[in-house]
Amino acid sequence: MANKTINTKFGDNIRLLRKQKGWTQIEFAQKLGCSQAIITAYENNVRKPPADKLTVIAELFGVNVTKLFGTIPKTKKNENVKNPKLLRKFEQLEQLPANDKRAVFKMIDGLLTQNKQK
């Protein structure tokens, strides 16, 4: 019985961590070097990853391996985000030079102004 609980938590944790990162199953599979079907099997507790993949999964999510099997609290950072892909894009924008950031903000401001007039 305890083993089933651990397996269920693992699949749920993988799904939760993946969604917190804003990754699709396909994106996560590419990062892990496997197929989407394998990710689906992990998340649905149909299949367990080999031990060497556990460390890779933990590194991708920035947690230790034991955390993959425990309780993972939802992060407040993503709680109000309805579109994790949009959040990821904004995180990527933070890496741009200042001039490029200003250009992006001008484009966003223009679109928002244009949509207010409709």
C-alpha atoms as a PDB file:
ATOM      1  CA  MET A   1       0.000   0.000   0.000  1.00  0.00           C
ATOM      2  CA  ALA A   2       2.781   2.452   0.879  1.00  0.00           C
ATOM      3  CA  ASN A   3       4.462   1.764  -2.457  1.00  0.00           C
ATOM      4  CA  LYS A   4       1.281   2.775  -4.306  1.00  0.00           C
ATOM      5  CA  THR A   5       1.176   6.056  -2.362  1.00  0.00           C
ATOM      6  CA  ILE A   6       4.780   6.824  -3.302  1.00  0.00           C
ATOM      7  CA  ASN A   7       4.111   6.034  -6.955  1.00  0.00           C
ATOM      8  CA  THR A   8       1.024   8.241  -6.992  1.00  0.00           C
ATOM      9  CA  LYS A   9       2.888  11.106  -5.374  1.00  0.00           C
ATOM     10  CA  PHE A  10       5.726  10.741  -7.861  1.00  0.00           C
ATOM     11  CA  GLY A  11       3.424  11.017 -10.876  1.00  0.00           C
ATOM     12  CA  ASP A  12       1.504  13.913  -9.340  1.00  0.00           C
ATOM     13  CA  ASN A  13       4.755  15.667  -8.423  1.00  0.00           C
ATOM     14  CA  ILE A  14       6.182  15.324 -11.914  1.00  0.00           C
ATOM     15  CA  ARG A  15       2.989  16.786 -13.372  1.00  0.00           C
ATOM     16  CA  LEU A  16       2.919  19.628 -10.825  1.00  0.00           C
ATOM     17  CA  LEU A  17       6.583  20.528 -11.284  1.00  0.00           C
ATOM     18  CA  ARG A  18       6.252  20.396 -15.070  1.00  0.00           C
ATOM     19  CA  LYS A  19       3.244  22.701 -14.994  1.00  0.00           C
ATOM     20  CA  GLN A  20       4.980  25.074 -12.580  1.00  0.00           C
ATOM     21  CA  LYS A  21       7.763  25.374 -15.145  1.00  0.00           C
ATOM     22  CA  GLY A  22       5.165  26.012 -17.836  1.00  0.00           C
ATOM     23  CA  TRP A  23       6.354  23.046 -19.870  1.00  0.00           C
ATOM     24  CA  THR A  24       4.171  20.835 -21.992  1.00  0.00           C
ATOM     25  CA  GLN A  25       4.743  17.104 -21.831  1.00  0.00           C
ATOM     26  CA  ILE A  26       6.486  17.363 -25.197  1.00  0.00           C
ATOM     27  CA  GLU A  27       8.838  20.111 -23.961  1.00  0.00           C
ATOM     28  CA  PHE A  28       9.650  18.137 -20.815  1.00  0.00           C
ATOM     29  CA  ALA A  29      10.231  14.982 -22.859  1.00  0.00           C
ATOM     30  CA  GLN A  30      12.672  16.844 -25.118  1.00  0.00           C
ATOM     31  CA  LYS A  31      14.591  18.135 -22.119  1.00  0.00           C
ATOM     32  CA  LEU A  32      14.691  14.651 -20.621  1.00  0.00           C
ATOM     33  CA  GLY A  33      15.561  12.985 -23.927  1.00  0.00           C
ATOM     34  CA  CYS A  34      12.554  10.692 -24.145  1.00  0.00           C
ATOM     35  CA  SER A  35       9.108  10.568 -25.749  1.00  0.00           C
ATOM     36  CA  GLN A  36       5.918  12.262 -24.636  1.00  0.00           C
ATOM     37  CA  ALA A  37       4.423   8.790 -24.108  1.00  0.00           C
ATOM     38  CA  ILE A  38       7.032   8.087 -21.441  1.00  0.00           C
ATOM     39  CA  ILE A  39       6.228  11.355 -19.645  1.00  0.00           C
ATOM     40  CA  THR A  40       2.531  10.449 -19.755  1.00  0.00           C
ATOM     41  CA  ALA A  41       3.354   7.024 -18.298  1.00  0.00           C
ATOM     42  CA  TYR A  42       5.388   8.654 -15.487  1.00  0.00           C
ATOM     43  CA  GLU A  43       2.638  11.151 -14.669  1.00  0.00           C
ATOM     44  CA  ASN A  44      -0.034   8.445 -14.704  1.00  0.00           C
ATOM     45  CA  ASN A  45       2.088   6.148 -12.528  1.00  0.00           C
ATOM     46  CA  VAL A  46       2.139   3.470 -15.222  1.00  0.00           C
ATOM     47  CA  ARG A  47       5.915   3.496 -15.484  1.00  0.00           C
ATOM     48  CA  LYS A  48       8.782   4.496 -13.207  1.00  0.00           C
ATOM     49  CA  PRO A  49      11.917   6.170 -14.551  1.00  0.00           C
ATOM     50  CA  PRO A  50      15.251   4.389 -14.224  1.00  0.00           C
ATOM     51  CA  ALA A  51      17.447   5.584 -11.359  1.00  0.00           C
ATOM     52  CA  ASP A  52      19.785   7.565 -13.626  1.00  0.00           C
ATOM     53  CA  LYS A  53      16.816   9.517 -15.025  1.00  0.00           C
ATOM     54  CA  LEU A  54      15.654  10.456 -11.519  1.00  0.00           C
ATOM     55  CA  THR A  55      18.704  12.653 -10.983  1.00  0.00           C
ATOM     56  CA  VAL A  56      18.201  14.283 -14.389  1.00  0.00           C
ATOM     57  CA  ILE A  57      14.527  14.943 -13.611  1.00  0.00           C
ATOM     58  CA  ALA A  58      15.432  16.419 -10.225  1.00  0.00           C
ATOM     59  CA  GLU A  59      18.067  18.678 -11.814  1.00  0.00           C
ATOM     60  CA  LEU A  60      15.636  19.886 -14.479  1.00  0.00           C
ATOM     61  CA  PHE A  61      13.164  20.896 -11.780  1.00  0.00           C
ATOM     62  CA  GLY A  62      15.802  22.239  -9.388  1.00  0.00           C
ATOM     63  CA  VAL A  63      14.876  19.864  -6.558  1.00  0.00           C
ATOM     64  CA  ASN A  64      16.568  16.897  -4.914  1.00  0.00           C
ATOM     65  CA  VAL A  65      15.498  13.372  -5.808  1.00  0.00           C
ATOM     66  CA  THR A  66      13.726  12.779  -2.500  1.00  0.00           C
ATOM     67  CA  LYS A  67      11.551  15.820  -3.160  1.00  0.00           C
ATOM     68  CA  LEU A  68      10.169  14.066  -6.249  1.00  0.00           C
ATOM     69  CA  PHE A  69       8.526  11.539  -3.918  1.00  0.00           C
ATOM     70  CA  GLY A  70       7.365  13.921  -1.182  1.00  0.00           C
ATOM     71  CA  THR A  71       4.865  16.728  -0.870  1.00  0.00           C
ATOM     72  CA  ILE A  72       5.544  19.677  -3.131  1.00  0.00           C
ATOM     73  CA  PRO A  73       3.776  22.901  -2.201  1.00  0.00           C
ATOM     74  CA  LYS A  74       2.412  25.017  -4.991  1.00  0.00           C
ATOM     75  CA  THR A  75       4.541  28.074  -5.558  1.00  0.00           C
ATOM     76  CA  LYS A  76       2.950  31.420  -4.882  1.00  0.00           C
ATOM     77  CA  LYS A  77       4.778  32.850  -7.867  1.00  0.00           C
ATOM     78  CA  ASN A  78       2.647  30.857 -10.316  1.00  0.00           C
ATOM     79  CA  GLU A  79      -0.584  30.745  -8.310  1.00  0.00           C
ATOM     80  CA  ASN A  80      -2.229  33.633 -10.136  1.00  0.00           C
ATOM     81  CA  VAL A  81      -0.756  32.900 -13.541  1.00  0.00           C
ATOM     82  CA  LYS A  82      -3.382  31.616 -15.918  1.00  0.00           C
ATOM     83  CA  ASN A  83      -0.915  31.114 -18.759  1.00  0.00           C
ATOM     84  CA  PRO A  84       2.409  29.574 -17.692  1.00  0.00           C
ATOM     85  CA  LYS A  85       3.805  29.914 -21.218  1.00  0.00           C
ATOM     86  CA  LEU A  86       3.293  33.672 -20.988  1.00  0.00           C
ATOM     87  CA  LEU A  87       5.119  33.712 -17.652  1.00  0.00           C
ATOM     88  CA  ARG A  88       8.008  31.783 -19.202  1.00  0.00           C
ATOM     89  CA  LYS A  89       8.217  34.294 -22.057  1.00  0.00           C
ATOM     90  CA  PHE A  90       8.394  37.172 -19.582  1.00  0.00           C
ATOM     91  CA  GLU A  91      11.125  35.373 -17.677  1.00  0.00           C
ATOM     92  CA  GLN A  92      13.037  35.072 -20.949  1.00  0.00           C
ATOM     93  CA  LEU A  93      12.503  38.777 -21.641  1.00  0.00           C
ATOM     94  CA  GLU A  94      14.347  39.582 -18.424  1.00  0.00           C
ATOM     95  CA  GLN A  95      17.520  38.295 -20.103  1.00  0.00           C
ATOM     96  CA  LEU A  96      17.292  40.767 -22.983  1.00  0.00           C
ATOM     97  CA  PRO A  97      19.387  43.940 -23.157  1.00  0.00           C
ATOM     98  CA  ALA A  98      17.657  47.116 -21.916  1.00  0.00           C
ATOM     99  CA  ASN A  99      17.035  48.486 -25.432  1.00  0.00           C
ATOM    100  CA  ASP A 100      15.287  45.288 -26.497  1.00  0.00           C
ATOM    101  CA  LYS A 101      13.172  45.284 -23.339  1.00  0.00           C
ATOM    102  CA  ARG A 102      12.049  48.846 -24.055  1.00  0.00           C
ATOM    103  CA  ALA A 103      11.099  47.858 -27.609  1.00  0.00           C
ATOM    104  CA  VAL A 104       9.030  44.919 -26.328  1.00  0.00           C
ATOM    105  CA  PHE A 105       7.264  47.138 -23.782  1.00  0.00           C
ATOM    106  CA  LYS A 106       6.437  49.660 -26.508  1.00  0.00           C
ATOM    107  CA  MET A 107       4.916  46.889 -28.633  1.00  0.00           C
ATOM    108  CA  ILE A 108       2.853  45.638 -25.684  1.00  0.00           C
ATOM    109  CA  ASP A 109       1.710  49.163 -24.811  1.00  0.00           C
ATOM    110  CA  GLY A 110       0.708  49.727 -28.434  1.00  0.00           C
ATOM    111  CA  LEU A 111      -1.322  46.512 -28.561  1.00  0.00           C
ATOM    112  CA  LEU A 112      -3.038  47.274 -25.264  1.00  0.00           C
ATOM    113  CA  THR A 113      -3.890  50.816 -26.363  1.00  0.00           C
ATOM    114  CA  GLN A 114      -5.180  49.522 -29.693  1.00  0.00           C
ATOM    115  CA  ASN A 115      -7.418  46.951 -27.989  1.00  0.00           C
ATOM    116  CA  LYS A 116      -8.843  49.530 -25.565  1.00  0.00           C
ATOM    117  CA  GLN A 117     -10.084  51.595 -28.522  1.00  0.00           C
ATOM    118  CA  LYS A 118     -12.083  48.663 -29.948  1.00  0.00           C
END
